[in-house]
Amino acid sequence: MKASSFILRLSLLAFAAALSGCGMQNTRAHDDAEWAATAPIEPVATPASNGSIYQADQNMELFNDAKAHRVGDILTVNLVESTQASKKSATATSKSDKTSIDAPTVLGHTLKVGGVAANIGTDGDRSFDGSGSSSQSNQLSGQLTVTVAQRLGNGNLLVRGQKWLTINQGQELVRISGIVRAQDIAQDNSVLSTRVADARITYAGKGALADANTQGWLSRFFSSKWMPF
């Protein structure tokens, strides 16, 4: 009994270690090299000092401000996204047709069928009434510090960055990428997200809380377009 109990405990420990290993692998899977911080460009090697105060390899900029303008520089993006859209439509149509033809007269007598005048008449009504409405809104606020990934030929900056927050059993991810004009960068080295061109903002979560707030695969099937009823 003792040997079997020891084997059972050993198996449980191995199983727990495997689960923790999977968890670490999943965490590492979040690290996307494409979204990693961009390192600054290393200066080209220059000859030894010639005795002057300014040296090209020291990258001293005495008359420039601290706003991001080089690859690898840091820039803070203020998220102030707020959008709202709504749409309504209504259509109503109706049509009524009525036609009447009196029975013909033959030799001064009205043509009758079964003792009833053979009058012809048609009457039809058609109508359609439809309406629909749709509305959607979202709001995102906060700050995210990114790095300059590329300086374009016209002076604009391609910025990119992400932030991972791990709280208890949940993880929150915020990502943003886009193009920023140097003129839109404020004196505190920040820029509004509404000033980011071709902005791609992602806010997502995963973990126990996100799983609890997600429909199961069977429920999603019954709510999908493949459900015929």
C-alpha atoms as a PDB file:
ATOM      1  CA  MET A   1       0.000   0.000   0.000  1.00  0.00           C
ATOM      2  CA  LYS A   2       2.831   2.362   0.871  1.00  0.00           C
ATOM      3  CA  ALA A   3       4.567   1.759  -2.442  1.00  0.00           C
ATOM      4  CA  SER A   4       1.361   2.359  -4.417  1.00  0.00           C
ATOM      5  CA  SER A   5       0.650   5.503  -2.414  1.00  0.00           C
ATOM      6  CA  PHE A   6       4.142   6.795  -3.107  1.00  0.00           C
ATOM      7  CA  ILE A   7       3.739   6.117  -6.840  1.00  0.00           C
ATOM      8  CA  LEU A   8       0.381   7.910  -6.840  1.00  0.00           C
ATOM      9  CA  ARG A   9       1.857  10.966  -5.141  1.00  0.00           C
ATOM     10  CA  LEU A  10       4.795  10.963  -7.527  1.00  0.00           C
ATOM     11  CA  SER A  11       2.427  10.827 -10.498  1.00  0.00           C
ATOM     12  CA  LEU A  12       0.386  13.739  -9.134  1.00  0.00           C
ATOM     13  CA  LEU A  13       3.539  15.803  -8.654  1.00  0.00           C
ATOM     14  CA  ALA A  14       4.673  15.029 -12.197  1.00  0.00           C
ATOM     15  CA  PHE A  15       1.250  15.988 -13.531  1.00  0.00           C
ATOM     16  CA  ALA A  16       1.310  19.270 -11.594  1.00  0.00           C
ATOM     17  CA  ALA A  17       4.802  20.027 -12.882  1.00  0.00           C
ATOM     18  CA  ALA A  18       3.633  19.380 -16.432  1.00  0.00           C
ATOM     19  CA  LEU A  19       0.726  21.785 -15.981  1.00  0.00           C
ATOM     20  CA  SER A  20       2.995  24.486 -14.609  1.00  0.00           C
ATOM     21  CA  GLY A  21       5.353  23.937 -17.529  1.00  0.00           C
ATOM     22  CA  CYS A  22       2.479  24.375 -19.947  1.00  0.00           C
ATOM     23  CA  GLY A  23       1.524  27.572 -18.147  1.00  0.00           C
ATOM     24  CA  MET A  24       5.044  28.906 -18.526  1.00  0.00           C
ATOM     25  CA  GLN A  25       5.040  27.973 -22.204  1.00  0.00           C
ATOM     26  CA  ASN A  26       1.744  29.776 -22.697  1.00  0.00           C
ATOM     27  CA  THR A  27       3.135  32.856 -20.986  1.00  0.00           C
ATOM     28  CA  ARG A  28       6.202  32.783 -23.175  1.00  0.00           C
ATOM     29  CA  ALA A  29       3.997  32.339 -26.223  1.00  0.00           C
ATOM     30  CA  HIS A  30       2.615  35.826 -25.524  1.00  0.00           C
ATOM     31  CA  ASP A  31       6.039  37.367 -26.206  1.00  0.00           C
ATOM     32  CA  ASP A  32       5.805  38.332 -29.866  1.00  0.00           C
ATOM     33  CA  ALA A  33       9.132  39.406 -31.347  1.00  0.00           C
ATOM     34  CA  GLU A  34       7.328  41.739 -33.740  1.00  0.00           C
ATOM     35  CA  TRP A  35       6.036  43.784 -30.791  1.00  0.00           C
ATOM     36  CA  ALA A  36       9.287  43.811 -28.828  1.00  0.00           C
ATOM     37  CA  ALA A  37      10.809  47.184 -27.971  1.00  0.00           C
ATOM     38  CA  THR A  38      13.021  48.555 -30.746  1.00  0.00           C
ATOM     39  CA  ALA A  39      16.617  49.163 -29.745  1.00  0.00           C
ATOM     40  CA  PRO A  40      18.339  52.373 -30.867  1.00  0.00           C
ATOM     41  CA  ILE A  41      20.665  52.251 -33.831  1.00  0.00           C
ATOM     42  CA  GLU A  42      24.266  51.885 -32.780  1.00  0.00           C
ATOM     43  CA  PRO A  43      26.424  54.810 -33.933  1.00  0.00           C
ATOM     44  CA  VAL A  44      29.033  54.155 -36.575  1.00  0.00           C
ATOM     45  CA  ALA A  45      32.555  53.872 -35.219  1.00  0.00           C
ATOM     46  CA  THR A  46      34.525  57.091 -35.620  1.00  0.00           C
ATOM     47  CA  PRO A  47      38.198  57.914 -35.325  1.00  0.00           C
ATOM     48  CA  ALA A  48      39.738  58.724 -31.975  1.00  0.00           C
ATOM     49  CA  SER A  49      39.031  62.039 -30.246  1.00  0.00           C
ATOM     50  CA  ASN A  50      40.467  65.053 -31.988  1.00  0.00           C
ATOM     51  CA  GLY A  51      40.364  67.282 -28.915  1.00  0.00           C
ATOM     52  CA  SER A  52      37.035  69.056 -29.610  1.00  0.00           C
ATOM     53  CA  ILE A  53      34.173  69.201 -27.107  1.00  0.00           C
ATOM     54  CA  TYR A  54      31.653  67.632 -29.482  1.00  0.00           C
ATOM     55  CA  GLN A  55      32.285  64.049 -30.569  1.00  0.00           C
ATOM     56  CA  ALA A  56      30.094  62.461 -33.229  1.00  0.00           C
ATOM     57  CA  ASP A  57      30.078  59.048 -31.591  1.00  0.00           C
ATOM     58  CA  GLN A  58      28.736  60.477 -28.301  1.00  0.00           C
ATOM     59  CA  ASN A  59      25.455  61.600 -29.927  1.00  0.00           C
ATOM     60  CA  MET A  60      25.356  64.895 -28.031  1.00  0.00           C
ATOM     61  CA  GLU A  61      22.438  67.100 -29.048  1.00  0.00           C
ATOM     62  CA  LEU A  62      22.812  70.396 -27.214  1.00  0.00           C
ATOM     63  CA  PHE A  63      20.029  72.315 -28.965  1.00  0.00           C
ATOM     64  CA  ASN A  64      17.334  69.640 -29.476  1.00  0.00           C
ATOM     65  CA  ASP A  65      14.386  68.992 -27.185  1.00  0.00           C
ATOM     66  CA  ALA A  66      13.649  65.662 -25.536  1.00  0.00           C
ATOM     67  CA  LYS A  67      10.831  64.707 -27.916  1.00  0.00           C
ATOM     68  CA  ALA A  68      11.159  61.335 -29.642  1.00  0.00           C
ATOM     69  CA  HIS A  69      12.596  61.568 -33.149  1.00  0.00           C
ATOM     70  CA  ARG A  70      15.049  58.664 -33.523  1.00  0.00           C
ATOM     71  CA  VAL A  71      14.675  54.909 -33.794  1.00  0.00           C
ATOM     72  CA  GLY A  72      14.529  53.461 -30.299  1.00  0.00           C
ATOM     73  CA  ASP A  73      13.283  56.659 -28.639  1.00  0.00           C
ATOM     74  CA  ILE A  74      10.405  56.349 -26.179  1.00  0.00           C
ATOM     75  CA  LEU A  75       7.032  58.024 -26.717  1.00  0.00           C
ATOM     76  CA  THR A  76       3.907  58.001 -24.545  1.00  0.00           C
ATOM     77  CA  VAL A  77       0.547  57.560 -26.262  1.00  0.00           C
ATOM     78  CA  ASN A  78      -2.497  58.899 -24.420  1.00  0.00           C
ATOM     79  CA  LEU A  79      -5.457  56.649 -25.234  1.00  0.00           C
ATOM     80  CA  VAL A  80      -8.549  58.814 -25.636  1.00  0.00           C
ATOM     81  CA  GLU A  81     -10.618  56.607 -27.941  1.00  0.00           C
ATOM     82  CA  SER A  82     -14.359  57.154 -27.881  1.00  0.00           C
ATOM     83  CA  THR A  83     -16.620  56.265 -30.793  1.00  0.00           C
ATOM     84  CA  GLN A  84     -20.348  55.899 -31.188  1.00  0.00           C
ATOM     85  CA  ALA A  85     -22.375  54.867 -34.209  1.00  0.00           C
ATOM     86  CA  SER A  86     -26.081  54.359 -34.744  1.00  0.00           C
ATOM     87  CA  LYS A  87     -28.287  53.571 -37.687  1.00  0.00           C
ATOM     88  CA  LYS A  88     -32.027  53.335 -38.158  1.00  0.00           C
ATOM     89  CA  SER A  89     -34.121  52.421 -41.170  1.00  0.00           C
ATOM     90  CA  ALA A  90     -37.819  52.039 -41.827  1.00  0.00           C
ATOM     91  CA  THR A  91     -39.750  51.103 -44.963  1.00  0.00           C
ATOM     92  CA  ALA A  92     -43.499  50.933 -45.526  1.00  0.00           C
ATOM     93  CA  THR A  93     -45.246  50.202 -48.818  1.00  0.00           C
ATOM     94  CA  SER A  94     -48.835  49.413 -49.755  1.00  0.00           C
ATOM     95  CA  LYS A  95     -50.756  48.805 -52.951  1.00  0.00           C
ATOM     96  CA  SER A  96     -54.428  48.197 -53.646  1.00  0.00           C
ATOM     97  CA  ASP A  97     -55.885  46.964 -56.968  1.00  0.00           C
ATOM     98  CA  LYS A  98     -59.578  46.738 -57.867  1.00  0.00           C
ATOM     99  CA  THR A  99     -61.011  45.918 -61.287  1.00  0.00           C
ATOM    100  CA  SER A 100     -64.683  45.526 -62.278  1.00  0.00           C
ATOM    101  CA  ILE A 101     -66.190  44.407 -65.641  1.00  0.00           C
ATOM    102  CA  ASP A 102     -69.955  44.235 -66.099  1.00  0.00           C
ATOM    103  CA  ALA A 103     -71.520  41.210 -67.738  1.00  0.00           C
ATOM    104  CA  PRO A 104     -72.022  41.644 -71.485  1.00  0.00           C
ATOM    105  CA  THR A 105     -75.492  42.110 -72.994  1.00  0.00           C
ATOM    106  CA  VAL A 106     -76.645  39.665 -75.680  1.00  0.00           C
ATOM    107  CA  LEU A 107     -79.815  40.489 -77.672  1.00  0.00           C
ATOM    108  CA  GLY A 108     -80.931  42.911 -74.988  1.00  0.00           C
ATOM    109  CA  HIS A 109     -80.443  40.461 -72.178  1.00  0.00           C
ATOM    110  CA  THR A 110     -77.623  40.442 -69.619  1.00  0.00           C
ATOM    111  CA  LEU A 111     -75.533  37.338 -69.814  1.00  0.00           C
ATOM    112  CA  LYS A 112     -76.134  35.209 -66.785  1.00  0.00           C
ATOM    113  CA  VAL A 113     -74.516  32.059 -65.450  1.00  0.00           C
ATOM    114  CA  GLY A 114     -76.685  29.996 -63.136  1.00  0.00           C
ATOM    115  CA  GLY A 115     -79.140  32.825 -62.836  1.00  0.00           C
ATOM    116  CA  VAL A 116     -76.447  35.296 -61.760  1.00  0.00           C
ATOM    117  CA  ALA A 117     -75.098  38.108 -63.925  1.00  0.00           C
ATOM    118  CA  ALA A 118     -71.677  37.155 -65.275  1.00  0.00           C
ATOM    119  CA  ASN A 119     -69.913  40.204 -63.900  1.00  0.00           C
ATOM    120  CA  ILE A 120     -66.102  39.995 -63.587  1.00  0.00           C
ATOM    121  CA  GLY A 121     -64.195  41.683 -60.789  1.00  0.00           C
ATOM    122  CA  THR A 122     -60.744  41.465 -59.136  1.00  0.00           C
ATOM    123  CA  ASP A 123     -59.647  42.916 -55.829  1.00  0.00           C
ATOM    124  CA  GLY A 124     -56.170  42.696 -54.258  1.00  0.00           C
ATOM    125  CA  ASP A 125     -54.266  44.372 -51.447  1.00  0.00           C
ATOM    126  CA  ARG A 126     -50.536  44.156 -50.758  1.00  0.00           C
ATOM    127  CA  SER A 127     -48.531  45.806 -48.001  1.00  0.00           C
ATOM    128  CA  PHE A 128     -45.046  45.708 -46.489  1.00  0.00           C
ATOM    129  CA  ASP A 129     -43.787  47.244 -43.280  1.00  0.00           C
ATOM    130  CA  GLY A 130     -40.177  46.821 -42.100  1.00  0.00           C
ATOM    131  CA  SER A 131     -37.861  48.584 -39.674  1.00  0.00           C
ATOM    132  CA  GLY A 132     -34.410  48.081 -38.188  1.00  0.00           C
ATOM    133  CA  SER A 133     -31.938  49.808 -35.905  1.00  0.00           C
ATOM    134  CA  SER A 134     -28.349  49.290 -34.847  1.00  0.00           C
ATOM    135  CA  SER A 135     -26.054  51.072 -32.391  1.00  0.00           C
ATOM    136  CA  GLN A 136     -22.507  50.541 -31.188  1.00  0.00           C
ATOM    137  CA  SER A 137     -20.146  52.473 -28.938  1.00  0.00           C
ATOM    138  CA  ASN A 138     -16.772  51.976 -27.292  1.00  0.00           C
ATOM    139  CA  GLN A 139     -14.436  53.897 -25.032  1.00  0.00           C
ATOM    140  CA  LEU A 140     -10.786  53.374 -24.134  1.00  0.00           C
ATOM    141  CA  SER A 141      -8.638  55.590 -21.950  1.00  0.00           C
ATOM    142  CA  GLY A 142      -5.202  55.287 -20.400  1.00  0.00           C
ATOM    143  CA  GLN A 143      -1.556  55.589 -21.337  1.00  0.00           C
ATOM    144  CA  LEU A 144       0.852  53.318 -23.167  1.00  0.00           C
ATOM    145  CA  THR A 145       4.542  54.022 -23.696  1.00  0.00           C
ATOM    146  CA  VAL A 146       5.936  52.787 -27.004  1.00  0.00           C
ATOM    147  CA  THR A 147       9.197  52.973 -28.936  1.00  0.00           C
ATOM    148  CA  VAL A 148       9.977  54.416 -32.342  1.00  0.00           C
ATOM    149  CA  ALA A 149      10.424  51.466 -34.692  1.00  0.00           C
ATOM    150  CA  GLN A 150      11.212  53.415 -37.872  1.00  0.00           C
ATOM    151  CA  ARG A 151      11.765  56.963 -39.030  1.00  0.00           C
ATOM    152  CA  LEU A 152      10.146  57.529 -42.413  1.00  0.00           C
ATOM    153  CA  GLY A 153      11.570  59.645 -45.186  1.00  0.00           C
ATOM    154  CA  ASN A 154       9.148  62.528 -44.560  1.00  0.00           C
ATOM    155  CA  GLY A 155      10.042  62.714 -40.867  1.00  0.00           C
ATOM    156  CA  ASN A 156       7.040  60.781 -39.558  1.00  0.00           C
ATOM    157  CA  LEU A 157       7.634  58.113 -36.934  1.00  0.00           C
ATOM    158  CA  LEU A 158       6.388  54.546 -37.005  1.00  0.00           C
ATOM    159  CA  VAL A 159       5.725  53.668 -33.362  1.00  0.00           C
ATOM    160  CA  ARG A 160       4.845  50.319 -31.838  1.00  0.00           C
ATOM    161  CA  GLY A 161       4.511  48.910 -28.341  1.00  0.00           C
ATOM    162  CA  GLN A 162       2.572  46.717 -25.954  1.00  0.00           C
ATOM    163  CA  LYS A 163       1.838  46.282 -22.265  1.00  0.00           C
ATOM    164  CA  TRP A 164       1.091  43.043 -20.410  1.00  0.00           C
ATOM    165  CA  LEU A 165      -0.621  43.158 -17.021  1.00  0.00           C
ATOM    166  CA  THR A 166      -0.804  39.976 -14.954  1.00  0.00           C
ATOM    167  CA  ILE A 167      -3.208  40.188 -12.023  1.00  0.00           C
ATOM    168  CA  ASN A 168      -3.927  37.033 -10.028  1.00  0.00           C
ATOM    169  CA  GLN A 169      -5.183  34.526 -12.619  1.00  0.00           C
ATOM    170  CA  GLY A 170      -5.871  36.995 -15.422  1.00  0.00           C
ATOM    171  CA  GLN A 171      -3.766  38.759 -18.015  1.00  0.00           C
ATOM    172  CA  GLU A 172      -4.560  41.998 -19.835  1.00  0.00           C
ATOM    173  CA  LEU A 173      -2.910  43.013 -23.102  1.00  0.00           C
ATOM    174  CA  VAL A 174      -2.794  46.490 -24.644  1.00  0.00           C
ATOM    175  CA  ARG A 175      -1.115  47.023 -28.013  1.00  0.00           C
ATOM    176  CA  ILE A 176      -0.857  49.976 -30.340  1.00  0.00           C
ATOM    177  CA  SER A 177       0.969  50.722 -33.567  1.00  0.00           C
ATOM    178  CA  GLY A 178       0.726  53.531 -36.077  1.00  0.00           C
ATOM    179  CA  ILE A 179       2.378  56.584 -37.611  1.00  0.00           C
ATOM    180  CA  VAL A 180       2.952  59.818 -35.679  1.00  0.00           C
ATOM    181  CA  ARG A 181       3.843  63.273 -36.989  1.00  0.00           C
ATOM    182  CA  ALA A 182       6.676  64.972 -35.168  1.00  0.00           C
ATOM    183  CA  GLN A 183       4.559  68.153 -34.996  1.00  0.00           C
ATOM    184  CA  ASP A 184       1.849  66.321 -33.015  1.00  0.00           C
ATOM    185  CA  ILE A 185       4.202  65.304 -30.191  1.00  0.00           C
ATOM    186  CA  ALA A 186       3.679  67.508 -27.117  1.00  0.00           C
ATOM    187  CA  GLN A 187       6.439  69.039 -25.021  1.00  0.00           C
ATOM    188  CA  ASP A 188       6.074  66.239 -22.444  1.00  0.00           C
ATOM    189  CA  ASN A 189       6.882  63.701 -25.191  1.00  0.00           C
ATOM    190  CA  SER A 190       3.320  62.417 -25.493  1.00  0.00           C
ATOM    191  CA  VAL A 191       0.795  62.207 -28.290  1.00  0.00           C
ATOM    192  CA  LEU A 192      -2.951  61.617 -28.398  1.00  0.00           C
ATOM    193  CA  SER A 193      -4.100  58.341 -29.900  1.00  0.00           C
ATOM    194  CA  THR A 194      -6.468  60.331 -32.107  1.00  0.00           C
ATOM    195  CA  ARG A 195      -3.357  61.791 -33.757  1.00  0.00           C
ATOM    196  CA  VAL A 196      -1.918  58.381 -34.648  1.00  0.00           C
ATOM    197  CA  ALA A 197      -2.402  57.527 -38.320  1.00  0.00           C
ATOM    198  CA  ASP A 198      -3.247  53.971 -39.355  1.00  0.00           C
ATOM    199  CA  ALA A 199      -3.656  53.201 -35.652  1.00  0.00           C
ATOM    200  CA  ARG A 200      -4.142  49.594 -34.666  1.00  0.00           C
ATOM    201  CA  ILE A 201      -5.186  49.324 -31.041  1.00  0.00           C
ATOM    202  CA  THR A 202      -5.754  45.991 -29.323  1.00  0.00           C
ATOM    203  CA  TYR A 203      -7.172  45.502 -25.856  1.00  0.00           C
ATOM    204  CA  ALA A 204      -7.748  41.889 -24.854  1.00  0.00           C
ATOM    205  CA  GLY A 205      -7.651  39.644 -21.840  1.00  0.00           C
ATOM    206  CA  LYS A 206      -7.118  35.993 -21.108  1.00  0.00           C
ATOM    207  CA  GLY A 207      -7.083  33.767 -18.107  1.00  0.00           C
ATOM    208  CA  ALA A 208      -9.629  32.497 -15.610  1.00  0.00           C
ATOM    209  CA  LEU A 209     -11.743  35.676 -15.649  1.00  0.00           C
ATOM    210  CA  ALA A 210     -11.807  35.889 -19.442  1.00  0.00           C
ATOM    211  CA  ASP A 211     -12.704  32.188 -19.713  1.00  0.00           C
ATOM    212  CA  ALA A 212     -15.558  32.620 -17.224  1.00  0.00           C
ATOM    213  CA  ASN A 213     -16.923  35.459 -19.347  1.00  0.00           C
ATOM    214  CA  THR A 214     -16.831  33.442 -22.598  1.00  0.00           C
ATOM    215  CA  GLN A 215     -19.508  31.151 -23.990  1.00  0.00           C
ATOM    216  CA  GLY A 216     -18.674  27.477 -24.290  1.00  0.00           C
ATOM    217  CA  TRP A 217     -18.151  25.966 -27.722  1.00  0.00           C
ATOM    218  CA  LEU A 218     -21.559  24.277 -27.687  1.00  0.00           C
ATOM    219  CA  SER A 219     -23.340  27.528 -26.803  1.00  0.00           C
ATOM    220  CA  ARG A 220     -21.413  29.333 -29.523  1.00  0.00           C
ATOM    221  CA  PHE A 221     -22.548  26.683 -32.022  1.00  0.00           C
ATOM    222  CA  PHE A 222     -26.219  27.174 -31.151  1.00  0.00           C
ATOM    223  CA  SER A 223     -25.750  30.955 -31.484  1.00  0.00           C
ATOM    224  CA  SER A 224     -23.824  30.760 -34.755  1.00  0.00           C
ATOM    225  CA  LYS A 225     -25.127  31.138 -38.310  1.00  0.00           C
ATOM    226  CA  TRP A 226     -24.777  27.368 -38.811  1.00  0.00           C
ATOM    227  CA  MET A 227     -27.699  26.738 -36.467  1.00  0.00           C
ATOM    228  CA  PRO A 228     -30.721  26.271 -38.784  1.00  0.00           C
ATOM    229  CA  PHE A 229     -33.365  27.059 -36.137  1.00  0.00           C
END
